[in-house]
């Protein structure tokens, strides 16, 4: 029986959510599995990955073959590196303490990269919101400015006409009747 480390799809249509599982290679994609190793949510940025690294390394050492996507996830979380370092300990090239120190240093570096990416994404998001707000304010100010001259022009144009009509208009009803008779 060959064992694969692969993704098992869950979630709804258009919103996938995956379990990272160790399963028999002959089992269906979403069928029976041997052990759930972690989860993968590609719907958020950066993608959310929860993985039991020790369990993944145990399966890798027992001969489980990861699929290409699962291999990328295992590499991203450090399971492939930990398996590689464990091989070096078995061969005598490293001590367990050295391997643990290298893995811890790699984890810190990876965590710094992830936090930098998250900070960059939040900064870009806030910059986009600020730019949208500034553009909206500019549009609103332009609308206000466009509305003001129309009102003033109408008032200025209408003022001479109203004054002329007022001068020509009779002051009393008798004057109006006399003007109408003429």
Protein backbone atom coordinates (compact mmCIF):
# COMPACT_ATOMS: atom_id res chain seq x y z
CA UNK A 1 0.00 0.00 0.00
CA UNK A 2 1.45 3.37 -1.00
CA UNK A 3 0.62 6.38 1.11
CA UNK A 4 0.20 9.87 -0.30
CA UNK A 5 0.14 13.16 1.53
CA UNK A 6 -2.48 15.14 -0.38
CA UNK A 7 -5.26 17.67 -0.15
CA UNK A 8 -8.85 16.71 0.56
CA UNK A 9 -11.33 19.34 -0.65
CA UNK A 10 -14.00 20.73 1.65
CA UNK A 11 -15.93 23.99 1.68
CA UNK A 12 -18.56 25.24 -0.69
CA UNK A 13 -18.60 25.98 -4.38
CA UNK A 14 -16.13 28.76 -5.18
CA UNK A 15 -14.79 28.81 -1.59
CA UNK A 16 -12.50 25.81 -1.25
CA UNK A 17 -11.06 24.70 2.06
CA UNK A 18 -8.63 21.81 2.19
CA UNK A 19 -7.50 19.25 4.72
CA UNK A 20 -3.94 18.00 4.37
CA UNK A 21 -4.21 14.25 4.89
CA UNK A 22 -2.16 11.10 4.69
CA UNK A 23 -4.23 8.68 2.62
CA UNK A 24 -3.95 5.46 0.67
CA UNK A 25 -3.12 6.32 -2.94
CA UNK A 26 -6.08 4.21 -4.12
CA UNK A 27 -8.64 6.09 -2.00
CA UNK A 28 -10.91 8.71 -3.53
CA UNK A 29 -9.91 12.36 -3.33
CA UNK A 30 -12.45 13.15 -0.63
CA UNK A 31 -12.68 9.60 0.65
CA UNK A 32 -11.15 7.64 3.50
CA UNK A 33 -7.85 8.87 4.92
CA UNK A 34 -5.36 7.55 7.45
CA UNK A 35 -4.62 10.77 9.35
CA UNK A 36 -5.50 14.45 9.10
CA UNK A 37 -2.23 16.37 9.23
CA UNK A 38 -3.50 19.94 8.84
CA UNK A 39 -5.66 22.46 7.01
CA UNK A 40 -5.16 24.88 4.13
CA UNK A 41 -7.38 27.90 3.44
CA UNK A 42 -6.47 29.62 0.14
CA UNK A 43 -9.35 32.14 0.43
CA UNK A 44 -7.36 34.62 2.53
CA UNK A 45 -4.19 36.53 1.73
CA UNK A 46 -1.69 35.25 2.78
CA UNK A 47 -3.11 31.73 2.67
CA UNK A 48 -3.81 30.25 6.10
CA UNK A 49 -2.00 26.95 6.70
CA UNK A 50 -2.20 24.94 9.91
CA UNK A 51 0.04 21.89 9.86
CA UNK A 52 1.24 19.37 12.42
CA UNK A 53 4.88 19.38 11.28
CA UNK A 54 5.93 16.44 13.47
CA UNK A 55 3.14 14.25 12.12
CA UNK A 56 4.00 15.23 8.55
CA UNK A 57 7.68 14.39 9.14
CA UNK A 58 6.67 11.02 10.63
CA UNK A 59 4.69 10.19 7.48
CA UNK A 60 7.52 11.38 5.22
CA UNK A 61 10.02 9.20 7.09
CA UNK A 62 7.69 6.22 6.72
CA UNK A 63 7.69 6.67 2.94
CA UNK A 64 4.62 8.75 2.22
CA UNK A 65 4.88 10.65 -1.07
CA UNK A 66 3.44 14.18 -1.14
CA UNK A 67 1.57 15.44 -4.19
CA UNK A 68 3.10 18.56 -5.79
CA UNK A 69 0.71 20.97 -4.04
CA UNK A 70 1.07 19.17 -0.73
CA UNK A 71 4.85 19.26 -1.15
CA UNK A 72 4.70 23.05 -1.60
CA UNK A 73 2.62 23.36 1.57
CA UNK A 74 4.99 21.08 3.51
CA UNK A 75 7.96 23.12 2.27
CA UNK A 76 6.25 26.38 3.21
CA UNK A 77 5.67 25.19 6.78
CA UNK A 78 9.12 23.57 7.11
CA UNK A 79 8.17 19.88 7.24
CA UNK A 80 10.40 19.05 4.26
CA UNK A 81 13.34 20.89 5.90
CA UNK A 82 12.77 19.11 9.20
CA UNK A 83 12.69 15.76 7.38
CA UNK A 84 15.92 16.68 5.60
CA UNK A 85 17.57 17.65 8.88
CA UNK A 86 16.35 14.41 10.49
CA UNK A 87 18.05 12.51 7.66
CA UNK A 88 21.29 14.37 8.44
CA UNK A 89 20.98 13.40 12.12
CA UNK A 90 20.45 9.73 11.17
CA UNK A 91 23.56 9.82 8.97
CA UNK A 92 25.63 11.50 11.68
CA UNK A 93 26.26 14.75 9.80
CA UNK A 94 24.46 16.78 12.49
CA UNK A 95 23.53 16.40 16.10
CA UNK A 96 19.88 16.71 17.12
CA UNK A 97 20.61 20.03 18.85
CA UNK A 98 22.19 21.48 15.72
CA UNK A 99 19.25 20.34 13.62
CA UNK A 100 16.79 21.85 16.11
CA UNK A 101 18.74 25.14 16.13
CA UNK A 102 18.74 25.33 12.31
CA UNK A 103 15.03 24.58 12.19
CA UNK A 104 14.25 27.20 14.85
CA UNK A 105 16.32 29.82 12.98
CA UNK A 106 14.47 28.97 9.75
CA UNK A 107 11.10 29.27 11.52
CA UNK A 108 12.01 32.73 12.89
CA UNK A 109 13.11 33.91 9.44
CA UNK A 110 9.93 32.54 7.87
CA UNK A 111 7.74 34.19 10.53
CA UNK A 112 9.48 37.52 9.84
CA UNK A 113 8.80 37.19 6.11
CA UNK A 114 5.15 36.38 6.73
CA UNK A 115 4.68 39.30 9.13
CA UNK A 116 6.37 41.64 6.60
CA UNK A 117 3.99 40.45 3.90
CA UNK A 118 0.97 40.94 6.16
CA UNK A 119 2.20 44.43 7.11
CA UNK A 120 2.72 45.27 3.44
CA UNK A 121 -0.77 44.04 2.58
CA UNK A 122 -2.40 46.05 5.37
CA UNK A 123 -0.39 49.13 4.37
CA UNK A 124 -1.40 48.72 0.73
CA UNK A 125 -5.01 48.26 1.79
CA UNK A 126 -4.96 51.38 3.97
CA UNK A 127 -3.23 53.36 1.19
CA UNK A 128 -5.90 52.24 -1.27
CA UNK A 129 -8.65 53.30 1.15
CA UNK A 130 -6.97 56.68 1.69
CA UNK A 131 -6.60 57.21 -2.07
CA UNK A 132 -10.25 56.27 -2.63
CA UNK A 133 -11.33 58.68 0.12
CA UNK A 134 -9.21 61.48 -1.37
CA UNK A 135 -10.67 60.82 -4.82
CA UNK A 136 -14.19 60.83 -3.39
CA UNK A 137 -13.53 64.12 -1.60
CA UNK A 138 -12.18 65.62 -4.82
CA UNK A 139 -15.27 64.50 -6.72
CA UNK A 140 -17.55 65.91 -4.04
CA UNK A 141 -15.72 69.25 -4.03
CA UNK A 142 -15.93 69.38 -7.82
CA UNK A 143 -19.66 68.74 -7.62
CA UNK A 144 -20.08 71.50 -5.04
CA UNK A 145 -18.05 73.91 -7.17
CA UNK A 146 -20.02 72.96 -10.26
CA UNK A 147 -23.29 73.56 -8.44
CA UNK A 148 -22.33 76.98 -7.01
CA UNK A 149 -21.68 78.85 -10.29
CA UNK A 150 -24.97 77.62 -11.76
CA UNK A 151 -26.91 79.14 -8.88
CA UNK A 152 -24.91 82.40 -8.94
CA UNK A 153 -25.15 82.77 -12.73
CA UNK A 154 -28.89 82.29 -12.67
CA UNK A 155 -29.18 84.89 -9.91
CA UNK A 156 -26.91 87.36 -11.74
CA UNK A 157 -28.63 86.85 -15.10
CA UNK A 158 -32.09 87.05 -13.61
CA UNK A 159 -31.33 90.21 -11.57
CA UNK A 160 -31.22 92.70 -14.51
CA UNK A 161 -34.33 91.17 -16.05
CA UNK A 162 -36.21 91.38 -12.77
CA UNK A 163 -35.13 95.02 -12.27
CA UNK A 164 -36.21 95.97 -15.82
CA UNK A 165 -39.53 94.24 -15.35
CA UNK A 166 -39.96 95.97 -12.00
CA UNK A 167 -39.32 99.40 -13.59
CA UNK A 168 -41.80 98.69 -16.38
CA UNK A 169 -44.36 97.15 -14.07
CA UNK A 170 -47.11 99.48 -12.90
CA UNK A 171 -47.26 100.23 -9.21
CA UNK A 172 -51.05 100.18 -8.91
CA UNK A 173 -53.98 98.46 -10.56
CA UNK A 174 -55.17 101.70 -12.12
CA UNK A 175 -51.79 102.21 -13.83
CA UNK A 176 -51.88 98.64 -15.08
CA UNK A 177 -55.34 99.19 -16.62
CA UNK A 178 -54.18 102.42 -18.28
CA UNK A 179 -51.11 100.66 -19.71
CA UNK A 180 -53.28 97.83 -21.00
CA UNK A 181 -55.63 100.33 -22.64
CA UNK A 182 -52.75 101.99 -24.52
